[in-house]
Amino acid sequence: MHLETFAYASPSGWSVSEFPRLDSPQTLVIVFGASEFVDAPAPLQELRAAYPQSAMIGCSSSGEIRGTLVHDGSLSVAVAKFDHTELRTVVTPIGTPSDAASYAAGQAIAKALADPTLCSVLVLSDGLNVNGSKLVKGLNDHLPESVVVTGGLAGDAARFQRTWVLREGVPEPGYVSAVGLYGDRLVVGHGSKGGWDTFGPERKVTKSKANVLYELDNKPALEVYKTYLGDRAGGLPGTGLLFPLALRADDKDENSVVRTLLAIDEAAQSMTFAGDVPEGYLAQLMRANFDRLIEGASNAASMTQRRESQGDVLAIAISCVGRRLILGERTDEEIEATLDALPKGSKQVGFYSYGEISPFTDARCDLHNQTMTLTTIAER
C-alpha cells in the first residue's frame, strides 16, 4: 500500500502543489471537512476530478485531524493505493430520522457490500438524522461476525445544525456511506477507549423508547439529570456534552457504552441521546478527567496493534466532539498520544464526531459516544 496525506485550508489552498498520482480502482480517498463545505464544495470537486477511478468517502466534522494537529474550516485527506485489496463503495439515504430508517440504511449497506472476501467496512453517516444504534444493528444483523466494522457520525462543531456525507464526491445531508475492503492481505486494527470518571449512583432506566430517556428509578430523567448538573443545567442541552451517561445491561456487565445528550424536552422531562438507552439498563453519570482522557486515547491506539503488517499504516482517528470541548487547548495532546502509540511512520487523519462506531474488543461493532476510536489499515 502506498499512502499520502494532505490538507486544504482557505485562503492558502492545498498543502501540496499537485495531488499524489495514485488514482486507480484500488485507491481509497478519505476526506473529512468542516460543515461549511456543503456551501462551497469546489475543493471537494477538485479532489473528485483528480481521482475519478478511486473509491471516495468522507463526511463533515467538528474538527479535522491531520498528523498531531486539529484544524477547523479545513479538509483533511488521505489517499491510499492498495496492492492486494479490492474496494467497493455504497451510499444510501436515511430518509427520515426514524429508528426503522436507520436500521434499513445499515441493512442496505451490509447487503450491498456482502461478499465472502469482505474483510472490513468503514461507515460514515449523517450525524443528525440518524439513530446510530439502529444503524449499527442493521449492519451487525446482516454482516458476518468476522467483518470488522468501524466509523462514525458526521459532526458540525458544537452547533448540531447540519452535517454532510459525500455522495459521488458531493457533500449532502441525509445519507450513510460506506466502503468495503476485500481480500486476505488486509490488516485492520481497531481500538476504542474513553477515560471518563463515573459519579453518583447507578440508576435503573425505568422508562425509555429507543434513544429517548423518560425515567430513571421511576423519576423524571431530566429532573434527575439537572440535580447533578447544578448551575450547569441552565446551559442544556449544550452542557450535556460535558456529562455523558454510562450504560450497562446489569451489574454483571463489564462493558459499558457511553451516550451523549443531543436534546431535552422540558414538557416531557425527557432526554434524547445519540444512541439507544434500553429500559432495564443501569445508567450512571460521567465527568471528565483530563489525564485519563488523554491516556484513553493512547490506549485506544495501542489496542489496534494486533497483527504484523508491512509498509505504510493509515490511522483513522474518530473522537467525540464532547472530548474536544472538555480538553480545550489540550486537544492536541490526545492526537499526539494516539500517534505516539502507533507504529513508527503511521499517517493519521480523522475527525471529531457525533458518535463513534467500533467493536469493544473482538465483538460486534457498537455505537459509542465520548470515546477516541482508532482504525488502522495496512497490508501484509
Foldseek 3Di string as FASTA:
>chain_A
DDKDKWKAAPPVGTPDPDDPQQADQQKEKEKEAAQCCLVVVVVLVVVCVSHVNYHYKYKYFLWKDWQLDTDHGMMIMMMDRDDFKGKDKDKDFLPALDLVSLLVQLLVRLVVQDDPFWAEKEKEAAQQSYAQQSNLVSVVVRHDLRYFYWYAYHDHNLPSDGMFIDDSSRTDHGMMMMMTMGDDFKAKFKFKFFQWAFDDDKWFQADDDWQKGQDTNNHGPLVVVCVVVPPCNVVPPSCQLQKWKWKDQDPVGPDTFIWGWDHADPVSSMTGTSGTDDGNIIITIIGHDQVSRLVQLLVRLLRRPDDDFDDEKEKEKEFASSNCVVCPVCVSSSSNSNVVNHPPRYIYIYHHHRWIWGDNHSGRIGIHHNMIMMMMMGGD
